[in-house]
Amino acid sequence: MTALTLPDIAAQDIHTNLPLEWVGMCNIALPVHFAGDTLRASADAGVSLDDGTSRGIHMSRLYLALESFESEPLSVPLLHTVLERFLDSHRGLSASAYLNLRFELLLKRPALISPLAGWKSYPVSLAAHLKDKVFHVELKVGLKYSSTCPCSAALSRQLIQQQFLNDFGNRSLSHEAVLSWLGNTQGIVATPHSQRSTATLNIRLKPEVCELPITELIDQAESALGTAVQTAVKRADEQAFALANGQNLMFCEDAARRLHITLQHLNWLTGFNLRVEHAESLHAHDAVAQSQWRW
């Protein structure tokens, strides 16, 4: 008995000529190896369908090409290799290949003063594109920080000044009395408001970059802001964090400018865009600022 050949409907031509920009799969679960850890990632893999008369692409070939992430560390050359495999498996059909990866990077961060430390999660995404041998990678990272409103701080200081005049305007001052006044809520009658804030950084890497500078990008951004959210803390750390907030008063515009200047000095990127969001504690809406350079 003659064995029947399995039908390949996708290989059949159709009676039209309409190329498609992107065809593929989204939310593919796979592991990635980065900085010695295995992370759970989600991938979008696709190619263009430039042969407008073809019924479709070979999605299983894209899926199999992703197996490289199981055994090789995540790097820019690996992304390039996977995209080349996408195109090699679709010769005559596709001229462009795309790959997006999303995962959470866990970094252990020390407390400000005490020996405590804890884990923080940073959302990371990578977008790689290959067309006509032109290859580029975009790296996006999100991070959280605290922002204390400069206007609220100034208004609080004025209220404290007024309370000082009320309490000491017609009295002789003593060191002990002023010290006691500064240490209680009858003297410090107001405090500025702070909010948990988010920065999203999207950068385009230089073609010659091999290692993904994810941790360095996070470190540089948190250093520029000065008030990255903390993990495990003692009272000394909380006090140090209060001091950091007081010395780094920020509108959303200030935070965006700090990050813009920092990113401009990184020698492994060719451009970026960024967005900061301050989840207002005064208002029911958020304050947002965006900036970009060579994007």
C-alpha atoms as a PDB file:
ATOM      1  CA  MET A   1       0.000   0.000   0.000  1.00  0.00           C
ATOM      2  CA  THR A   2       1.399   3.416  -0.991  1.00  0.00           C
ATOM      3  CA  ALA A   3       1.859   5.855   1.925  1.00  0.00           C
ATOM      4  CA  LEU A   4       0.057   9.123   1.451  1.00  0.00           C
ATOM      5  CA  THR A   5       2.055  12.348   1.602  1.00  0.00           C
ATOM      6  CA  LEU A   6       0.904  14.707   4.289  1.00  0.00           C
ATOM      7  CA  PRO A   7      -0.686  17.797   2.701  1.00  0.00           C
ATOM      8  CA  ASP A   8       1.073  21.151   3.054  1.00  0.00           C
ATOM      9  CA  ILE A   9      -1.731  23.663   2.634  1.00  0.00           C
ATOM     10  CA  ALA A  10       0.545  26.606   3.536  1.00  0.00           C
ATOM     11  CA  ALA A  11       2.740  25.896   0.516  1.00  0.00           C
ATOM     12  CA  GLN A  12      -0.144  26.272  -1.927  1.00  0.00           C
ATOM     13  CA  ASP A  13      -0.360  29.491  -3.904  1.00  0.00           C
ATOM     14  CA  ILE A  14      -3.475  31.591  -3.712  1.00  0.00           C
ATOM     15  CA  HIS A  15      -5.179  33.659  -6.392  1.00  0.00           C
ATOM     16  CA  THR A  16      -4.006  37.023  -5.169  1.00  0.00           C
ATOM     17  CA  ASN A  17      -0.751  38.930  -4.721  1.00  0.00           C
ATOM     18  CA  LEU A  18      -0.707  40.661  -1.375  1.00  0.00           C
ATOM     19  CA  PRO A  19       2.493  40.654   0.736  1.00  0.00           C
ATOM     20  CA  LEU A  20       2.189  40.895   4.516  1.00  0.00           C
ATOM     21  CA  GLU A  21       4.527  42.852   6.786  1.00  0.00           C
ATOM     22  CA  TRP A  22       4.545  40.446   9.740  1.00  0.00           C
ATOM     23  CA  VAL A  23       3.377  36.871  10.223  1.00  0.00           C
ATOM     24  CA  GLY A  24       4.307  34.670  13.139  1.00  0.00           C
ATOM     25  CA  MET A  25       3.546  33.718  16.737  1.00  0.00           C
ATOM     26  CA  CYS A  26       3.206  35.672  19.974  1.00  0.00           C
ATOM     27  CA  ASN A  27       3.658  34.782  23.638  1.00  0.00           C
ATOM     28  CA  ILE A  28       5.842  31.715  23.118  1.00  0.00           C
ATOM     29  CA  ALA A  29       7.163  30.446  26.465  1.00  0.00           C
ATOM     30  CA  LEU A  30      10.887  29.716  26.535  1.00  0.00           C
ATOM     31  CA  PRO A  31      13.887  29.923  28.882  1.00  0.00           C
ATOM     32  CA  VAL A  32      16.704  32.425  28.475  1.00  0.00           C
ATOM     33  CA  HIS A  33      20.066  32.312  30.219  1.00  0.00           C
ATOM     34  CA  PHE A  34      21.380  35.659  31.426  1.00  0.00           C
ATOM     35  CA  ALA A  35      24.085  36.501  33.981  1.00  0.00           C
ATOM     36  CA  GLY A  36      24.244  32.884  35.139  1.00  0.00           C
ATOM     37  CA  ASP A  37      20.497  32.588  35.748  1.00  0.00           C
ATOM     38  CA  THR A  38      17.747  30.864  33.802  1.00  0.00           C
ATOM     39  CA  LEU A  39      14.768  33.170  33.344  1.00  0.00           C
ATOM     40  CA  ARG A  40      11.260  32.513  32.103  1.00  0.00           C
ATOM     41  CA  ALA A  41      10.699  34.534  28.938  1.00  0.00           C
ATOM     42  CA  SER A  42       7.929  35.185  26.467  1.00  0.00           C
ATOM     43  CA  ALA A  43       8.752  35.551  22.781  1.00  0.00           C
ATOM     44  CA  ASP A  44       7.105  36.969  19.672  1.00  0.00           C
ATOM     45  CA  ALA A  45       8.665  35.488  16.528  1.00  0.00           C
ATOM     46  CA  GLY A  46       7.791  36.508  13.000  1.00  0.00           C
ATOM     47  CA  VAL A  47       8.868  37.199   9.444  1.00  0.00           C
ATOM     48  CA  SER A  48       7.510  39.230   6.579  1.00  0.00           C
ATOM     49  CA  LEU A  49       5.592  37.396   3.880  1.00  0.00           C
ATOM     50  CA  ASP A  50       6.976  39.146   0.824  1.00  0.00           C
ATOM     51  CA  ASP A  51       5.751  36.508  -1.626  1.00  0.00           C
ATOM     52  CA  GLY A  52       2.200  37.775  -1.916  1.00  0.00           C
ATOM     53  CA  THR A  53       1.045  34.663  -3.762  1.00  0.00           C
ATOM     54  CA  SER A  54       2.083  32.295  -0.971  1.00  0.00           C
ATOM     55  CA  ARG A  55      -0.599  31.029   1.421  1.00  0.00           C
ATOM     56  CA  GLY A  56       1.540  31.411   4.524  1.00  0.00           C
ATOM     57  CA  ILE A  57       4.833  30.893   6.343  1.00  0.00           C
ATOM     58  CA  HIS A  58       6.303  27.857   8.133  1.00  0.00           C
ATOM     59  CA  MET A  59       5.653  28.713  11.775  1.00  0.00           C
ATOM     60  CA  SER A  60       7.144  25.475  13.066  1.00  0.00           C
ATOM     61  CA  ARG A  61      10.511  26.504  11.591  1.00  0.00           C
ATOM     62  CA  LEU A  62      10.453  29.714  13.607  1.00  0.00           C
ATOM     63  CA  TYR A  63       9.567  27.749  16.724  1.00  0.00           C
ATOM     64  CA  LEU A  64      12.445  25.304  16.226  1.00  0.00           C
ATOM     65  CA  ALA A  65      14.934  28.146  15.688  1.00  0.00           C
ATOM     66  CA  LEU A  66      14.125  29.397  19.189  1.00  0.00           C
ATOM     67  CA  GLU A  67      15.633  26.213  20.663  1.00  0.00           C
ATOM     68  CA  SER A  68      19.011  27.984  20.605  1.00  0.00           C
ATOM     69  CA  PHE A  69      17.938  29.915  23.706  1.00  0.00           C
ATOM     70  CA  GLU A  70      17.791  26.651  25.663  1.00  0.00           C
ATOM     71  CA  SER A  71      21.549  26.090  25.507  1.00  0.00           C
ATOM     72  CA  GLU A  72      23.245  29.433  24.746  1.00  0.00           C
ATOM     73  CA  PRO A  73      23.560  32.537  26.952  1.00  0.00           C
ATOM     74  CA  LEU A  74      21.437  35.485  25.891  1.00  0.00           C
ATOM     75  CA  SER A  75      23.528  37.916  23.828  1.00  0.00           C
ATOM     76  CA  VAL A  76      23.277  40.223  20.831  1.00  0.00           C
ATOM     77  CA  PRO A  77      25.059  37.709  18.517  1.00  0.00           C
ATOM     78  CA  LEU A  78      22.581  35.015  19.565  1.00  0.00           C
ATOM     79  CA  LEU A  79      19.662  37.254  18.622  1.00  0.00           C
ATOM     80  CA  HIS A  80      21.308  37.871  15.252  1.00  0.00           C
ATOM     81  CA  THR A  81      21.854  34.150  14.678  1.00  0.00           C
ATOM     82  CA  VAL A  82      18.239  33.273  15.471  1.00  0.00           C
ATOM     83  CA  LEU A  83      16.949  35.918  13.054  1.00  0.00           C
ATOM     84  CA  GLU A  84      19.254  34.581  10.341  1.00  0.00           C
ATOM     85  CA  ARG A  85      17.782  31.127  10.920  1.00  0.00           C
ATOM     86  CA  PHE A  86      14.298  32.586  10.546  1.00  0.00           C
ATOM     87  CA  LEU A  87      15.231  33.942   7.112  1.00  0.00           C
ATOM     88  CA  ASP A  88      17.244  30.881   6.028  1.00  0.00           C
ATOM     89  CA  SER A  89      14.199  28.719   6.678  1.00  0.00           C
ATOM     90  CA  HIS A  90      11.996  31.075   4.627  1.00  0.00           C
ATOM     91  CA  ARG A  91      14.094  31.691   1.524  1.00  0.00           C
ATOM     92  CA  GLY A  92      11.951  33.009  -1.275  1.00  0.00           C
ATOM     93  CA  LEU A  93       9.169  33.934   1.115  1.00  0.00           C
ATOM     94  CA  SER A  94      10.569  36.484   3.562  1.00  0.00           C
ATOM     95  CA  ALA A  95      13.040  39.371   3.571  1.00  0.00           C
ATOM     96  CA  SER A  96      12.590  40.579   7.166  1.00  0.00           C
ATOM     97  CA  ALA A  97      12.751  38.788  10.508  1.00  0.00           C
ATOM     98  CA  TYR A  98      11.560  39.953  13.909  1.00  0.00           C
ATOM     99  CA  LEU A  99      12.001  38.730  17.465  1.00  0.00           C
ATOM    100  CA  ASN A 100      10.713  40.230  20.710  1.00  0.00           C
ATOM    101  CA  LEU A 101      11.655  38.823  24.116  1.00  0.00           C
ATOM    102  CA  ARG A 102      10.124  39.774  27.457  1.00  0.00           C
ATOM    103  CA  PHE A 103      11.255  38.666  30.903  1.00  0.00           C
ATOM    104  CA  GLU A 104      11.716  39.806  34.491  1.00  0.00           C
ATOM    105  CA  LEU A 105      15.280  40.333  35.686  1.00  0.00           C
ATOM    106  CA  LEU A 106      15.839  39.782  39.417  1.00  0.00           C
ATOM    107  CA  LEU A 107      18.672  41.757  40.978  1.00  0.00           C
ATOM    108  CA  LYS A 108      19.708  41.607  44.620  1.00  0.00           C
ATOM    109  CA  ARG A 109      20.072  45.147  45.914  1.00  0.00           C
ATOM    110  CA  PRO A 110      21.746  46.207  49.174  1.00  0.00           C
ATOM    111  CA  ALA A 111      20.112  48.462  51.738  1.00  0.00           C
ATOM    112  CA  LEU A 112      21.437  52.026  52.044  1.00  0.00           C
ATOM    113  CA  ILE A 113      23.061  51.662  55.479  1.00  0.00           C
ATOM    114  CA  SER A 114      22.472  48.281  57.116  1.00  0.00           C
ATOM    115  CA  PRO A 115      23.872  44.945  55.851  1.00  0.00           C
ATOM    116  CA  LEU A 116      20.409  43.859  54.685  1.00  0.00           C
ATOM    117  CA  ALA A 117      19.649  43.128  51.025  1.00  0.00           C
ATOM    118  CA  GLY A 118      16.655  42.030  48.978  1.00  0.00           C
ATOM    119  CA  TRP A 119      15.485  41.214  45.474  1.00  0.00           C
ATOM    120  CA  LYS A 120      13.985  43.644  42.992  1.00  0.00           C
ATOM    121  CA  SER A 121      12.271  42.708  39.758  1.00  0.00           C
ATOM    122  CA  TYR A 122      12.864  44.715  36.584  1.00  0.00           C
ATOM    123  CA  PRO A 123      10.746  44.184  33.444  1.00  0.00           C
ATOM    124  CA  VAL A 124      12.995  43.809  30.386  1.00  0.00           C
ATOM    125  CA  SER A 125      12.150  43.501  26.717  1.00  0.00           C
ATOM    126  CA  LEU A 126      14.345  43.056  23.644  1.00  0.00           C
ATOM    127  CA  ALA A 127      13.260  43.815  20.089  1.00  0.00           C
ATOM    128  CA  ALA A 128      15.525  42.524  17.308  1.00  0.00           C
ATOM    129  CA  HIS A 129      15.035  43.124  13.564  1.00  0.00           C
ATOM    130  CA  LEU A 130      16.958  41.888  10.531  1.00  0.00           C
ATOM    131  CA  LYS A 131      16.331  43.064   6.956  1.00  0.00           C
ATOM    132  CA  ASP A 132      18.693  43.184   3.993  1.00  0.00           C
ATOM    133  CA  LYS A 133      21.562  42.270   6.363  1.00  0.00           C
ATOM    134  CA  VAL A 134      20.792  45.376   8.459  1.00  0.00           C
ATOM    135  CA  PHE A 135      20.414  44.286  12.071  1.00  0.00           C
ATOM    136  CA  HIS A 136      19.483  46.289  15.144  1.00  0.00           C
ATOM    137  CA  VAL A 137      18.398  45.610  18.706  1.00  0.00           C
ATOM    138  CA  GLU A 138      16.332  47.753  21.044  1.00  0.00           C
ATOM    139  CA  LEU A 139      16.485  47.219  24.801  1.00  0.00           C
ATOM    140  CA  LYS A 140      13.665  48.388  27.093  1.00  0.00           C
ATOM    141  CA  VAL A 141      13.872  48.392  30.886  1.00  0.00           C
ATOM    142  CA  GLY A 142      11.454  49.584  33.552  1.00  0.00           C
ATOM    143  CA  LEU A 143      12.438  50.690  37.058  1.00  0.00           C
ATOM    144  CA  LYS A 144      10.751  52.227  40.107  1.00  0.00           C
ATOM    145  CA  TYR A 145      11.898  55.122  42.255  1.00  0.00           C
ATOM    146  CA  SER A 146      10.553  57.638  44.749  1.00  0.00           C
ATOM    147  CA  SER A 147       9.932  61.258  43.803  1.00  0.00           C
ATOM    148  CA  THR A 148       9.326  64.053  46.299  1.00  0.00           C
ATOM    149  CA  CYS A 149       7.504  67.095  44.941  1.00  0.00           C
ATOM    150  CA  PRO A 150       9.653  70.282  45.091  1.00  0.00           C
ATOM    151  CA  CYS A 151       6.550  72.481  45.365  1.00  0.00           C
ATOM    152  CA  SER A 152       5.199  70.445  48.259  1.00  0.00           C
ATOM    153  CA  ALA A 153       8.595  70.601  49.963  1.00  0.00           C
ATOM    154  CA  ALA A 154       8.733  74.415  49.633  1.00  0.00           C
ATOM    155  CA  LEU A 155       5.194  74.819  50.965  1.00  0.00           C
ATOM    156  CA  SER A 156       5.994  72.519  53.893  1.00  0.00           C
ATOM    157  CA  ARG A 157       9.105  74.526  54.743  1.00  0.00           C
ATOM    158  CA  GLN A 158       7.050  77.733  54.743  1.00  0.00           C
ATOM    159  CA  LEU A 159       4.532  76.228  57.144  1.00  0.00           C
ATOM    160  CA  ILE A 160       7.359  75.168  59.447  1.00  0.00           C
ATOM    161  CA  GLN A 161       8.825  78.689  59.280  1.00  0.00           C
ATOM    162  CA  GLN A 162       5.449  80.153  60.157  1.00  0.00           C
ATOM    163  CA  GLN A 163       5.061  77.740  63.067  1.00  0.00           C
ATOM    164  CA  PHE A 164       8.530  78.705  64.271  1.00  0.00           C
ATOM    165  CA  LEU A 165       7.536  82.376  64.267  1.00  0.00           C
ATOM    166  CA  ASN A 166       4.336  81.539  66.121  1.00  0.00           C
ATOM    167  CA  ASP A 167       6.182  79.579  68.780  1.00  0.00           C
ATOM    168  CA  PHE A 168       9.358  81.641  69.163  1.00  0.00           C
ATOM    169  CA  GLY A 169       8.570  85.063  67.733  1.00  0.00           C
ATOM    170  CA  ASN A 170       8.361  86.744  71.138  1.00  0.00           C
ATOM    171  CA  ARG A 171      10.590  84.403  73.141  1.00  0.00           C
ATOM    172  CA  SER A 172      14.267  84.124  73.802  1.00  0.00           C
ATOM    173  CA  LEU A 173      15.776  81.087  72.097  1.00  0.00           C
ATOM    174  CA  SER A 174      17.654  78.304  73.745  1.00  0.00           C
ATOM    175  CA  HIS A 175      19.432  75.441  72.061  1.00  0.00           C
ATOM    176  CA  GLU A 176      17.459  72.853  74.027  1.00  0.00           C
ATOM    177  CA  ALA A 177      14.076  74.396  73.253  1.00  0.00           C
ATOM    178  CA  VAL A 178      14.743  74.625  69.505  1.00  0.00           C
ATOM    179  CA  LEU A 179      16.148  71.092  69.407  1.00  0.00           C
ATOM    180  CA  SER A 180      13.047  69.774  71.156  1.00  0.00           C
ATOM    181  CA  TRP A 181      10.778  71.778  68.827  1.00  0.00           C
ATOM    182  CA  LEU A 182      12.492  70.304  65.756  1.00  0.00           C
ATOM    183  CA  GLY A 183      11.919  66.797  67.063  1.00  0.00           C
ATOM    184  CA  ASN A 184       8.158  66.840  67.437  1.00  0.00           C
ATOM    185  CA  THR A 185       5.079  67.282  65.278  1.00  0.00           C
ATOM    186  CA  GLN A 186       4.161  70.531  67.006  1.00  0.00           C
ATOM    187  CA  GLY A 187       7.183  72.068  65.325  1.00  0.00           C
ATOM    188  CA  ILE A 188       7.450  70.111  62.062  1.00  0.00           C
ATOM    189  CA  VAL A 189       3.804  70.654  61.219  1.00  0.00           C
ATOM    190  CA  ALA A 190       3.997  69.652  57.552  1.00  0.00           C
ATOM    191  CA  THR A 191       5.854  67.178  55.368  1.00  0.00           C
ATOM    192  CA  PRO A 192       6.175  67.103  51.562  1.00  0.00           C
ATOM    193  CA  HIS A 193       4.410  64.392  49.616  1.00  0.00           C
ATOM    194  CA  SER A 194       6.260  61.709  47.704  1.00  0.00           C
ATOM    195  CA  GLN A 195       5.061  59.162  45.190  1.00  0.00           C
ATOM    196  CA  ARG A 196       6.242  55.855  43.795  1.00  0.00           C
ATOM    197  CA  SER A 197       7.355  56.607  40.261  1.00  0.00           C
ATOM    198  CA  THR A 198       8.257  54.616  37.167  1.00  0.00           C
ATOM    199  CA  ALA A 199      10.843  55.161  34.446  1.00  0.00           C
ATOM    200  CA  THR A 200      10.752  53.268  31.156  1.00  0.00           C
ATOM    201  CA  LEU A 201      13.959  53.413  29.128  1.00  0.00           C
ATOM    202  CA  ASN A 202      14.067  52.258  25.512  1.00  0.00           C
ATOM    203  CA  ILE A 203      17.519  52.307  23.898  1.00  0.00           C
ATOM    204  CA  ARG A 204      18.914  51.238  20.540  1.00  0.00           C
ATOM    205  CA  LEU A 205      22.219  49.394  20.839  1.00  0.00           C
ATOM    206  CA  LYS A 206      25.239  50.009  18.627  1.00  0.00           C
ATOM    207  CA  PRO A 207      25.734  47.213  16.051  1.00  0.00           C
ATOM    208  CA  GLU A 208      29.099  46.192  17.505  1.00  0.00           C
ATOM    209  CA  VAL A 209      27.745  45.556  21.011  1.00  0.00           C
ATOM    210  CA  CYS A 210      27.863  41.868  21.980  1.00  0.00           C
ATOM    211  CA  GLU A 211      26.907  41.645  25.655  1.00  0.00           C
ATOM    212  CA  LEU A 212      23.553  43.047  26.700  1.00  0.00           C
ATOM    213  CA  PRO A 213      24.200  45.962  29.123  1.00  0.00           C
ATOM    214  CA  ILE A 214      20.959  45.469  31.069  1.00  0.00           C
ATOM    215  CA  THR A 215      22.390  45.647  34.579  1.00  0.00           C
ATOM    216  CA  GLU A 216      24.625  48.597  33.705  1.00  0.00           C
ATOM    217  CA  LEU A 217      21.649  50.498  32.277  1.00  0.00           C
ATOM    218  CA  ILE A 218      19.654  49.922  35.471  1.00  0.00           C
ATOM    219  CA  ASP A 219      22.585  50.934  37.681  1.00  0.00           C
ATOM    220  CA  GLN A 220      23.223  54.125  35.738  1.00  0.00           C
ATOM    221  CA  ALA A 221      19.564  55.128  35.772  1.00  0.00           C
ATOM    222  CA  GLU A 222      19.087  54.475  39.478  1.00  0.00           C
ATOM    223  CA  SER A 223      22.251  56.399  40.288  1.00  0.00           C
ATOM    224  CA  ALA A 224      21.015  59.383  38.260  1.00  0.00           C
ATOM    225  CA  LEU A 225      17.683  59.434  40.092  1.00  0.00           C
ATOM    226  CA  GLY A 226      19.145  58.847  43.547  1.00  0.00           C
ATOM    227  CA  THR A 227      15.953  57.433  45.084  1.00  0.00           C
ATOM    228  CA  ALA A 228      15.484  53.892  43.795  1.00  0.00           C
ATOM    229  CA  VAL A 229      12.874  52.009  45.839  1.00  0.00           C
ATOM    230  CA  GLN A 230      14.291  49.757  48.540  1.00  0.00           C
ATOM    231  CA  THR A 231      13.806  46.140  49.615  1.00  0.00           C
ATOM    232  CA  ALA A 232      14.673  44.970  53.144  1.00  0.00           C
ATOM    233  CA  VAL A 233      15.422  47.940  55.427  1.00  0.00           C
ATOM    234  CA  LYS A 234      16.063  48.885  59.041  1.00  0.00           C
ATOM    235  CA  ARG A 235      15.259  52.264  60.568  1.00  0.00           C
ATOM    236  CA  ALA A 236      18.699  53.584  59.637  1.00  0.00           C
ATOM    237  CA  ASP A 237      17.996  52.712  55.989  1.00  0.00           C
ATOM    238  CA  GLU A 238      14.591  54.363  56.127  1.00  0.00           C
ATOM    239  CA  GLN A 239      16.173  57.509  57.516  1.00  0.00           C
ATOM    240  CA  ALA A 240      18.815  57.459  54.795  1.00  0.00           C
ATOM    241  CA  PHE A 241      16.048  57.059  52.224  1.00  0.00           C
ATOM    242  CA  ALA A 242      14.231  60.071  53.672  1.00  0.00           C
ATOM    243  CA  LEU A 243      17.475  62.037  53.376  1.00  0.00           C
ATOM    244  CA  ALA A 244      17.921  60.903  49.759  1.00  0.00           C
ATOM    245  CA  ASN A 245      14.404  62.077  48.936  1.00  0.00           C
ATOM    246  CA  GLY A 246      15.023  65.421  50.618  1.00  0.00           C
ATOM    247  CA  GLN A 247      18.219  65.924  48.613  1.00  0.00           C
ATOM    248  CA  ASN A 248      16.662  64.792  45.305  1.00  0.00           C
ATOM    249  CA  LEU A 249      13.434  66.756  44.976  1.00  0.00           C
ATOM    250  CA  MET A 250      11.994  66.026  41.543  1.00  0.00           C
ATOM    251  CA  PHE A 251       9.187  67.055  39.280  1.00  0.00           C
ATOM    252  CA  CYS A 252       8.670  64.555  36.460  1.00  0.00           C
ATOM    253  CA  GLU A 253      10.506  67.022  34.213  1.00  0.00           C
ATOM    254  CA  ASP A 254      13.549  66.899  36.505  1.00  0.00           C
ATOM    255  CA  ALA A 255      13.610  63.101  36.481  1.00  0.00           C
ATOM    256  CA  ALA A 256      13.329  62.964  32.680  1.00  0.00           C
ATOM    257  CA  ARG A 257      16.189  65.441  32.258  1.00  0.00           C
ATOM    258  CA  ARG A 258      18.430  63.551  34.674  1.00  0.00           C
ATOM    259  CA  LEU A 259      17.886  60.333  32.793  1.00  0.00           C
ATOM    260  CA  HIS A 260      18.298  61.993  29.387  1.00  0.00           C
ATOM    261  CA  ILE A 261      21.697  63.441  30.331  1.00  0.00           C
ATOM    262  CA  THR A 262      22.847  60.111  31.786  1.00  0.00           C
ATOM    263  CA  LEU A 263      21.811  58.084  28.744  1.00  0.00           C
ATOM    264  CA  GLN A 264      23.493  60.512  26.369  1.00  0.00           C
ATOM    265  CA  HIS A 265      26.862  59.625  27.918  1.00  0.00           C
ATOM    266  CA  LEU A 266      26.531  55.852  27.479  1.00  0.00           C
ATOM    267  CA  ASN A 267      28.834  54.793  24.652  1.00  0.00           C
ATOM    268  CA  TRP A 268      27.001  51.601  23.698  1.00  0.00           C
ATOM    269  CA  LEU A 269      23.790  53.142  22.394  1.00  0.00           C
ATOM    270  CA  THR A 270      22.877  55.093  19.269  1.00  0.00           C
ATOM    271  CA  GLY A 271      19.597  56.592  20.470  1.00  0.00           C
ATOM    272  CA  PHE A 272      16.858  56.321  23.044  1.00  0.00           C
ATOM    273  CA  ASN A 273      13.436  57.384  24.177  1.00  0.00           C
ATOM    274  CA  LEU A 274      12.299  57.508  27.782  1.00  0.00           C
ATOM    275  CA  ARG A 275       9.155  58.071  29.787  1.00  0.00           C
ATOM    276  CA  VAL A 276       8.699  58.834  33.469  1.00  0.00           C
ATOM    277  CA  GLU A 277       5.421  58.626  35.367  1.00  0.00           C
ATOM    278  CA  HIS A 278       4.868  60.057  38.841  1.00  0.00           C
ATOM    279  CA  ALA A 279       1.788  58.465  40.420  1.00  0.00           C
ATOM    280  CA  GLU A 280       0.643  61.604  42.187  1.00  0.00           C
ATOM    281  CA  SER A 281      -0.321  61.378  45.851  1.00  0.00           C
ATOM    282  CA  LEU A 282      -1.879  64.867  45.713  1.00  0.00           C
ATOM    283  CA  HIS A 283      -3.914  64.381  42.521  1.00  0.00           C
ATOM    284  CA  ALA A 284      -5.979  61.538  41.133  1.00  0.00           C
ATOM    285  CA  HIS A 285      -3.962  61.711  37.905  1.00  0.00           C
ATOM    286  CA  ASP A 286      -0.323  61.019  37.040  1.00  0.00           C
ATOM    287  CA  ALA A 287       2.405  63.459  36.023  1.00  0.00           C
ATOM    288  CA  VAL A 288       4.287  62.285  32.922  1.00  0.00           C
ATOM    289  CA  ALA A 289       7.336  63.453  30.966  1.00  0.00           C
ATOM    290  CA  GLN A 290       8.967  61.992  27.856  1.00  0.00           C
ATOM    291  CA  SER A 291      12.221  62.637  26.033  1.00  0.00           C
ATOM    292  CA  GLN A 292      14.194  61.157  23.173  1.00  0.00           C
ATOM    293  CA  TRP A 293      17.553  61.477  21.428  1.00  0.00           C
ATOM    294  CA  ARG A 294      18.407  60.405  17.871  1.00  0.00           C
ATOM    295  CA  TRP A 295      15.307  58.219  17.735  1.00  0.00           C
END
